[in-house]
Amino acid sequence: MKSTGTFTLGTLDGRLNRAQTQIVIDRLKKAHPKAHFDMATVADPTAHRDRVDELYSTHSPGEVVFLQAQLLARKFQLVDLCAEDLVLPLPDGLVVAAVLERDTPYDALLHKDALIADDLPDGTHIGVLSHRSQAQISTLWPNLKPVLMTGGTVTALTAFLQEEAVECLVIPAALGERLGVLDIMSEVFFPEMMLPGAGQGLIALVACADDEDVITMAAQADSIQSHQEMLGELSFRERIRSDQDCALGVLAQANDDDLIITGAIGSLSGCAPNQAVLKGSADEAADLGSRLAEELLTNTSSLIGLLEADFPDGLPADPDEPVEDESEPTLSEGYEEEVESLPKEDLDDYTPPRDDL
């Protein structure tokens, strides 16, 4: 049903935020040419606190909470959020009214001289926005030096282009498109090389659960397949861990009635990621994501990757044992010592981690 009403979308005052909301408005106008859409810019709630240490793409966790609270307070009728910054389930009273057709879900390399990763000189400092990208680049190109960039995509882009803090930068390709930096996008990493983050390239429209007019209007712009892909990927991420400290990669691909979802848990130490694939009904996308996560969680290699996220400098020492050496063993060294110390009868029953998933 075509709407003729007036609708307001809330967004923060920022280059990427405004660009993303304008994309949403343009797509809603195509679905409802006689309706009127306004953009309401609200003050940045983090203006008086330091957020440079946070990992996120478009909205920091505090900004997401603020926008959702403003929506519940009826300051506007819709808010658009990058699905990769979204945490499900939503607060009581809010629903995902629509998920727009997916933009490019992959990562892209930005380089001023159009070099691709294989041609970068040894020791090149390459900026990344997540532990996921950091782990995958360390595995694929051990000769490069990934540098974790905090404070969001725009902050990282400024550090790269204006401050020259790094020699190149990896960001979600969709965000590069929205920011208009296609001219320095030298390479797109397809999933055979690097799995994207959960929800990458997806924009979710969030509304109040009791606002039927808005939900009905937004539904006309909903992409069923993109919605299913988002549910599968976020379910995978939330089943394992919702924050950005863990090197998780996942990509769901909906096709007709089926959904194929590929997930991986990477290692910050540079080991190859542990990966698995599931295929099932697209109507059960969330369940597929959870099942895929559980399959990986039963793998010892995956658990090591998760522990490395909690203890990047190695497992903490036992305070009851004397310390003979000031240097702490790495997680992998500690794991090997534990296996070697098992009695022989236990070793006979030991099953090594699978690496064929």
Protein backbone atom coordinates (compact mmCIF):
# COMPACT_ATOMS: atom_id res chain seq x y z
CA MET A 1 0.00 0.00 0.00
CA LYS A 2 1.38 3.41 -1.02
CA SER A 3 1.53 5.97 1.77
CA THR A 4 0.79 9.69 1.48
CA GLY A 5 1.76 10.65 5.03
CA THR A 6 4.67 12.56 6.52
CA PHE A 7 7.44 10.64 8.28
CA THR A 8 10.52 11.76 10.21
CA LEU A 9 13.77 9.82 10.43
CA GLY A 10 16.17 10.58 13.25
CA THR A 11 19.93 10.65 12.78
CA LEU A 12 23.05 12.01 14.43
CA ASP A 13 24.88 15.01 13.04
CA GLY A 14 27.75 13.48 11.12
CA ARG A 15 28.91 12.98 7.56
CA LEU A 16 28.28 9.25 7.40
CA ASN A 17 25.10 9.41 9.48
CA ARG A 18 23.49 12.00 7.22
CA ALA A 19 24.59 10.19 4.06
CA GLN A 20 23.11 6.92 5.27
CA THR A 21 19.80 8.50 6.30
CA GLN A 22 19.53 10.24 2.94
CA ILE A 23 19.98 6.87 1.21
CA VAL A 24 17.11 5.51 3.30
CA ILE A 25 14.89 8.49 2.47
CA ASP A 26 15.60 8.09 -1.25
CA ARG A 27 14.61 4.44 -1.15
CA LEU A 28 11.47 5.14 0.86
CA LYS A 29 10.49 7.83 -1.64
CA LYS A 30 10.71 5.27 -4.46
CA ALA A 31 8.30 3.05 -2.56
CA HIS A 32 6.01 5.96 -1.58
CA PRO A 33 6.35 8.76 -4.17
CA LYS A 34 3.49 10.79 -2.67
CA ALA A 35 4.72 10.62 0.93
CA HIS A 36 6.94 13.23 2.57
CA PHE A 37 10.10 12.30 4.49
CA ASP A 38 12.08 14.57 6.84
CA MET A 39 15.50 14.11 8.42
CA ALA A 40 15.72 15.17 12.07
CA THR A 41 19.31 15.67 13.22
CA VAL A 42 19.83 15.19 16.95
CA ALA A 43 22.79 16.24 19.07
CA ASP A 44 25.63 13.77 19.51
CA PRO A 45 25.20 12.31 23.03
CA THR A 46 28.91 11.51 23.28
CA ALA A 47 30.09 15.07 22.72
CA HIS A 48 31.24 15.34 26.33
CA ARG A 49 32.88 11.96 26.78
CA ASP A 50 35.79 10.19 25.23
CA ARG A 51 34.76 7.48 22.73
CA VAL A 52 37.97 7.15 20.73
CA ASP A 53 38.70 3.72 22.20
CA GLU A 54 35.44 2.13 20.98
CA LEU A 55 35.24 -0.23 18.01
CA TYR A 56 32.27 0.31 15.68
CA SER A 57 31.41 1.16 12.09
CA THR A 58 28.80 3.93 12.01
CA HIS A 59 27.23 4.28 15.46
CA SER A 60 28.98 3.62 18.76
CA PRO A 61 27.10 1.49 21.32
CA GLY A 62 26.22 4.63 23.28
CA GLU A 63 24.84 6.31 20.18
CA VAL A 64 22.67 3.31 19.36
CA VAL A 65 21.21 3.35 22.87
CA PHE A 66 20.62 7.12 22.64
CA LEU A 67 18.85 6.92 19.27
CA GLN A 68 16.64 4.07 20.46
CA ALA A 69 15.69 6.06 23.56
CA GLN A 70 14.85 9.09 21.44
CA LEU A 71 12.69 6.90 19.21
CA LEU A 72 10.80 5.51 22.21
CA ALA A 73 10.29 9.10 23.37
CA ARG A 74 8.62 9.81 19.96
CA LYS A 75 11.19 12.43 18.94
CA PHE A 76 10.93 10.89 15.46
CA GLN A 77 9.23 7.89 13.86
CA LEU A 78 12.11 5.88 12.40
CA VAL A 79 15.82 5.44 12.95
CA ASP A 80 18.19 3.80 10.48
CA LEU A 81 21.06 1.77 11.89
CA CYS A 82 23.84 -0.23 10.27
CA ALA A 83 22.97 -3.82 11.07
CA GLU A 84 26.57 -4.45 12.12
CA ASP A 85 26.07 -1.93 14.97
CA LEU A 86 22.69 -3.41 15.94
CA VAL A 87 22.27 -5.67 18.96
CA LEU A 88 19.31 -8.05 19.07
CA PRO A 89 16.88 -8.40 20.72
CA LEU A 90 15.87 -4.75 20.61
CA PRO A 91 14.64 -2.95 23.74
CA ASP A 92 11.00 -3.50 24.65
CA GLY A 93 8.72 -1.37 22.50
CA LEU A 94 10.92 -1.38 19.38
CA VAL A 95 10.90 -3.58 16.27
CA VAL A 96 12.87 -3.89 13.07
CA ALA A 97 10.30 -2.55 10.61
CA ALA A 98 12.41 -3.22 7.51
CA VAL A 99 15.83 -4.17 6.21
CA LEU A 100 16.79 -2.44 2.99
CA GLU A 101 18.19 -4.33 0.02
CA ARG A 102 21.76 -5.17 0.85
CA ASP A 103 24.65 -3.07 -0.39
CA THR A 104 28.09 -4.60 -1.01
CA PRO A 105 28.71 -6.79 2.05
CA TYR A 106 32.47 -7.20 1.63
CA ASP A 107 35.53 -5.36 2.91
CA ALA A 108 37.52 -3.02 0.70
CA LEU A 109 41.11 -1.79 0.70
CA LEU A 110 41.69 1.94 0.33
CA HIS A 111 45.07 2.99 -1.05
CA LYS A 112 46.07 6.34 -2.53
CA ASP A 113 48.23 4.71 -5.21
CA ALA A 114 45.73 1.95 -6.06
CA LEU A 115 47.93 -0.88 -4.75
CA ILE A 116 46.28 -4.20 -3.85
CA ALA A 117 47.20 -6.14 -0.71
CA ASP A 118 49.49 -8.60 -2.54
CA ASP A 119 51.59 -5.69 -3.85
CA LEU A 120 52.01 -3.82 -0.56
CA PRO A 121 55.63 -3.62 0.66
CA ASP A 122 56.63 -5.65 3.69
CA GLY A 123 55.88 -3.88 6.93
CA THR A 124 53.11 -1.71 5.49
CA HIS A 125 50.83 -0.36 8.23
CA ILE A 126 47.27 -1.19 7.21
CA GLY A 127 44.43 0.28 9.26
CA VAL A 128 41.53 -1.99 10.26
CA LEU A 129 38.27 -1.36 12.12
CA SER A 130 37.84 -4.70 13.91
CA HIS A 131 39.66 -7.65 15.41
CA ARG A 132 38.04 -9.71 12.65
CA SER A 133 39.88 -7.79 9.92
CA GLN A 134 43.03 -7.73 12.01
CA ALA A 135 43.02 -11.52 12.39
CA GLN A 136 42.24 -12.26 8.75
CA ILE A 137 44.88 -9.90 7.39
CA SER A 138 47.48 -11.34 9.78
CA THR A 139 46.69 -14.78 8.39
CA LEU A 140 46.65 -13.85 4.70
CA TRP A 141 49.48 -11.32 4.69
CA PRO A 142 51.83 -11.96 7.62
CA ASN A 143 54.27 -9.48 6.09
CA LEU A 144 51.88 -6.58 6.75
CA LYS A 145 51.22 -4.79 10.03
CA PRO A 146 47.48 -4.33 10.75
CA VAL A 147 46.74 -1.38 13.01
CA LEU A 148 43.45 -1.35 14.94
CA MET A 149 41.65 1.95 14.33
CA THR A 150 39.04 2.96 16.92
CA GLY A 151 36.41 5.69 16.88
CA GLY A 152 34.42 4.64 13.81
CA THR A 153 34.85 4.70 10.05
CA VAL A 154 34.96 8.47 9.60
CA THR A 155 37.64 8.87 12.28
CA ALA A 156 39.72 6.12 10.69
CA LEU A 157 39.30 7.64 7.24
CA THR A 158 40.46 11.03 8.53
CA ALA A 159 43.48 9.45 10.18
CA PHE A 160 44.35 7.74 6.90
CA LEU A 161 43.72 10.57 4.43
CA GLN A 162 44.69 13.66 6.43
CA GLU A 163 46.95 12.51 9.24
CA GLU A 164 48.65 9.65 7.34
CA ALA A 165 48.57 7.52 10.48
CA VAL A 166 48.51 4.41 8.27
CA GLU A 167 49.49 3.78 4.66
CA CYS A 168 46.21 2.13 3.68
CA LEU A 169 42.87 1.29 5.25
CA VAL A 170 40.35 -1.59 5.22
CA ILE A 171 36.70 -0.59 5.70
CA PRO A 172 33.34 -2.09 4.72
CA ALA A 173 32.89 -1.44 0.99
CA ALA A 174 29.33 -0.21 1.56
CA LEU A 175 30.56 2.54 3.87
CA GLY A 176 33.20 3.54 1.34
CA GLU A 177 30.43 3.91 -1.23
CA ARG A 178 28.33 6.04 1.13
CA LEU A 179 31.29 8.25 1.96
CA GLY A 180 32.19 8.76 -1.71
CA VAL A 181 35.73 7.35 -1.62
CA LEU A 182 35.38 4.90 -4.51
CA ASP A 183 38.29 6.56 -6.32
CA ILE A 184 40.78 5.22 -3.75
CA MET A 185 39.12 1.82 -3.30
CA SER A 186 41.81 -0.38 -4.83
CA GLU A 187 40.53 -3.87 -3.93
CA VAL A 188 37.40 -5.63 -2.70
CA PHE A 189 37.97 -8.71 -0.56
CA PHE A 190 35.48 -11.38 -1.56
CA PRO A 191 34.45 -13.94 1.08
CA GLU A 192 36.83 -16.58 -0.27
CA MET A 193 39.56 -14.31 1.11
CA MET A 194 37.95 -12.45 4.01
CA LEU A 195 34.57 -13.08 5.58
CA PRO A 196 32.74 -9.83 6.42
CA GLY A 197 31.32 -8.89 9.79
CA ALA A 198 27.77 -9.73 10.84
CA GLY A 199 25.26 -7.41 9.18
CA GLN A 200 27.80 -5.69 6.97
CA GLY A 201 26.18 -3.79 4.09
CA LEU A 202 22.73 -3.91 5.69
CA ILE A 203 20.62 -1.01 6.97
CA ALA A 204 17.84 -1.77 9.44
CA LEU A 205 14.89 0.56 9.98
CA VAL A 206 13.74 0.55 13.60
CA ALA A 207 10.29 1.79 14.67
CA CYS A 208 8.07 1.76 17.74
CA ALA A 209 6.21 -1.54 17.97
CA ASP A 210 2.82 0.13 18.32
CA ASP A 211 3.24 2.56 15.38
CA GLU A 212 1.31 0.54 12.82
CA ASP A 213 1.28 3.27 10.15
CA VAL A 214 5.07 3.56 10.18
CA ILE A 215 5.59 -0.20 10.21
CA THR A 216 3.20 -0.65 7.28
CA MET A 217 4.93 2.13 5.34
CA ALA A 218 8.44 0.79 6.00
CA ALA A 219 7.43 -2.75 5.04
CA GLN A 220 7.17 -1.63 1.41
CA ALA A 221 10.93 -1.06 1.40
CA ASP A 222 11.75 -4.31 3.17
CA SER A 223 13.92 -6.84 1.33
CA ILE A 224 12.86 -10.27 2.52
CA GLN A 225 16.15 -11.91 1.57
CA SER A 226 18.25 -9.15 3.17
CA HIS A 227 16.10 -9.39 6.31
CA GLN A 228 16.72 -13.14 6.50
CA GLU A 229 20.45 -12.66 5.97
CA MET A 230 20.59 -10.13 8.80
CA LEU A 231 18.74 -12.43 11.20
CA GLY A 232 21.07 -15.33 10.42
CA GLU A 233 24.26 -13.31 10.79
CA LEU A 234 23.28 -11.46 13.96
CA SER A 235 22.03 -14.69 15.53
CA PHE A 236 25.42 -16.27 14.79
CA ARG A 237 27.26 -13.34 16.36
CA GLU A 238 25.03 -13.06 19.42
CA ARG A 239 25.22 -16.81 20.10
CA ILE A 240 28.98 -16.58 20.34
CA ARG A 241 29.56 -13.07 21.55
CA SER A 242 28.00 -9.69 20.85
CA ASP A 243 30.94 -7.34 21.31
CA GLN A 244 33.75 -6.43 18.93
CA ASP A 245 36.61 -8.10 20.82
CA CYS A 246 36.18 -11.43 19.06
CA ALA A 247 37.41 -12.10 15.53
CA LEU A 248 34.13 -13.35 14.06
CA GLY A 249 33.35 -13.43 10.35
CA VAL A 250 29.99 -14.47 8.89
CA LEU A 251 28.07 -14.19 5.63
CA ALA A 252 24.52 -15.39 4.97
CA GLN A 253 23.27 -15.66 1.39
CA ALA A 254 19.53 -16.09 0.82
CA ASN A 255 18.44 -17.59 -2.48
CA ASP A 256 14.79 -18.36 -3.17
CA ASP A 257 13.71 -20.42 -0.14
CA ASP A 258 17.20 -21.45 1.03
CA LEU A 259 19.87 -19.75 3.08
CA ILE A 260 23.56 -20.62 3.11
CA ILE A 261 25.51 -19.22 6.02
CA THR A 262 29.28 -19.37 6.42
CA GLY A 263 30.90 -18.47 9.72
CA ALA A 264 34.41 -18.39 11.10
CA ILE A 265 36.20 -17.73 14.37
CA GLY A 266 39.60 -16.23 13.73
CA SER A 267 42.76 -16.17 15.79
CA LEU A 268 44.54 -12.99 16.82
CA SER A 269 47.81 -14.95 16.80
CA GLY A 270 47.64 -15.37 13.01
CA CYS A 271 46.44 -18.98 12.85
CA ALA A 272 44.00 -19.90 10.09
CA PRO A 273 40.37 -19.28 11.08
CA ASN A 274 38.11 -22.18 11.99
CA GLN A 275 35.21 -22.15 9.50
CA ALA A 276 31.91 -23.96 8.99
CA VAL A 277 28.95 -23.78 6.59
CA LEU A 278 25.25 -24.59 7.03
CA LYS A 279 22.38 -24.62 4.56
CA GLY A 280 18.71 -24.65 5.41
CA SER A 281 15.36 -22.95 5.08
CA ALA A 282 15.54 -19.16 4.86
CA ASP A 283 12.48 -19.01 7.13
CA GLU A 284 14.67 -20.42 9.90
CA ALA A 285 17.51 -17.94 9.42
CA ALA A 286 17.97 -17.12 13.10
CA ASP A 287 18.00 -20.79 14.05
CA LEU A 288 20.56 -21.55 11.35
CA GLY A 289 22.84 -18.82 12.67
CA SER A 290 22.64 -20.19 16.21
CA ARG A 291 23.26 -23.77 15.05
CA LEU A 292 26.29 -22.70 13.03
CA ALA A 293 27.71 -20.91 16.06
CA GLU A 294 27.15 -23.96 18.25
CA GLU A 295 28.92 -26.17 15.71
CA LEU A 296 31.97 -23.93 15.85
CA LEU A 297 31.82 -23.68 19.62
CA THR A 298 32.27 -27.46 19.90
CA ASN A 299 35.63 -27.15 18.12
CA THR A 300 38.70 -26.78 20.31
CA SER A 301 40.41 -24.44 17.83
CA SER A 302 37.44 -22.08 18.01
CA LEU A 303 37.58 -22.01 21.81
CA ILE A 304 41.26 -21.10 21.64
CA GLY A 305 40.39 -18.18 19.36
CA LEU A 306 37.74 -17.00 21.80
CA LEU A 307 40.12 -17.23 24.74
CA GLU A 308 42.71 -15.26 22.81
CA ALA A 309 40.16 -12.45 22.53
CA ASP A 310 39.87 -12.34 26.33
CA PHE A 311 43.59 -12.80 26.98
CA PRO A 312 45.53 -11.32 24.02
CA ASP A 313 48.75 -11.39 26.08
CA GLY A 314 48.32 -14.99 27.21
CA LEU A 315 46.40 -16.72 29.99
CA PRO A 316 46.82 -15.13 33.45
CA ALA A 317 49.31 -16.85 35.73
CA ASP A 318 48.12 -18.99 38.63
CA PRO A 319 48.77 -16.86 41.76
CA ASP A 320 49.41 -20.01 43.85
CA GLU A 321 52.30 -21.19 41.66
CA PRO A 322 55.80 -19.70 41.82
CA VAL A 323 56.84 -17.71 38.77
CA GLU A 324 60.14 -18.91 37.36
CA ASP A 325 60.16 -16.75 34.27
CA GLU A 326 58.73 -13.24 33.94
CA SER A 327 57.58 -13.90 30.37
CA GLU A 328 54.14 -15.46 30.11
CA PRO A 329 53.56 -18.30 27.66
CA THR A 330 51.23 -17.63 24.79
CA LEU A 331 47.81 -19.29 24.76
CA SER A 332 48.88 -21.79 22.13
CA GLU A 333 51.99 -22.76 24.15
CA GLY A 334 49.89 -23.28 27.27
CA TYR A 335 47.43 -25.40 25.32
CA GLU A 336 50.17 -27.63 23.91
CA GLU A 337 51.68 -28.15 27.36
CA GLU A 338 48.29 -29.18 28.73
CA VAL A 339 47.81 -31.81 26.02
CA GLU A 340 51.32 -33.18 26.44
CA SER A 341 50.83 -33.60 30.19
CA LEU A 342 47.78 -35.85 29.83
CA PRO A 343 48.18 -39.49 30.87
CA LYS A 344 48.68 -41.91 27.99
CA GLU A 345 45.28 -43.51 28.46
CA ASP A 346 43.65 -40.08 28.12
CA LEU A 347 45.68 -39.29 25.02
CA ASP A 348 44.32 -42.43 23.36
CA ASP A 349 40.84 -40.92 23.55
CA TYR A 350 41.92 -37.42 22.59
CA THR A 351 40.44 -36.09 19.33
CA PRO A 352 42.50 -33.34 17.69
CA PRO A 353 40.70 -30.15 16.61
CA ARG A 354 39.02 -30.36 13.22
CA ASP A 355 40.51 -28.19 10.52
CA ASP A 356 38.38 -29.44 7.62
CA LEU A 357 35.23 -27.37 8.31
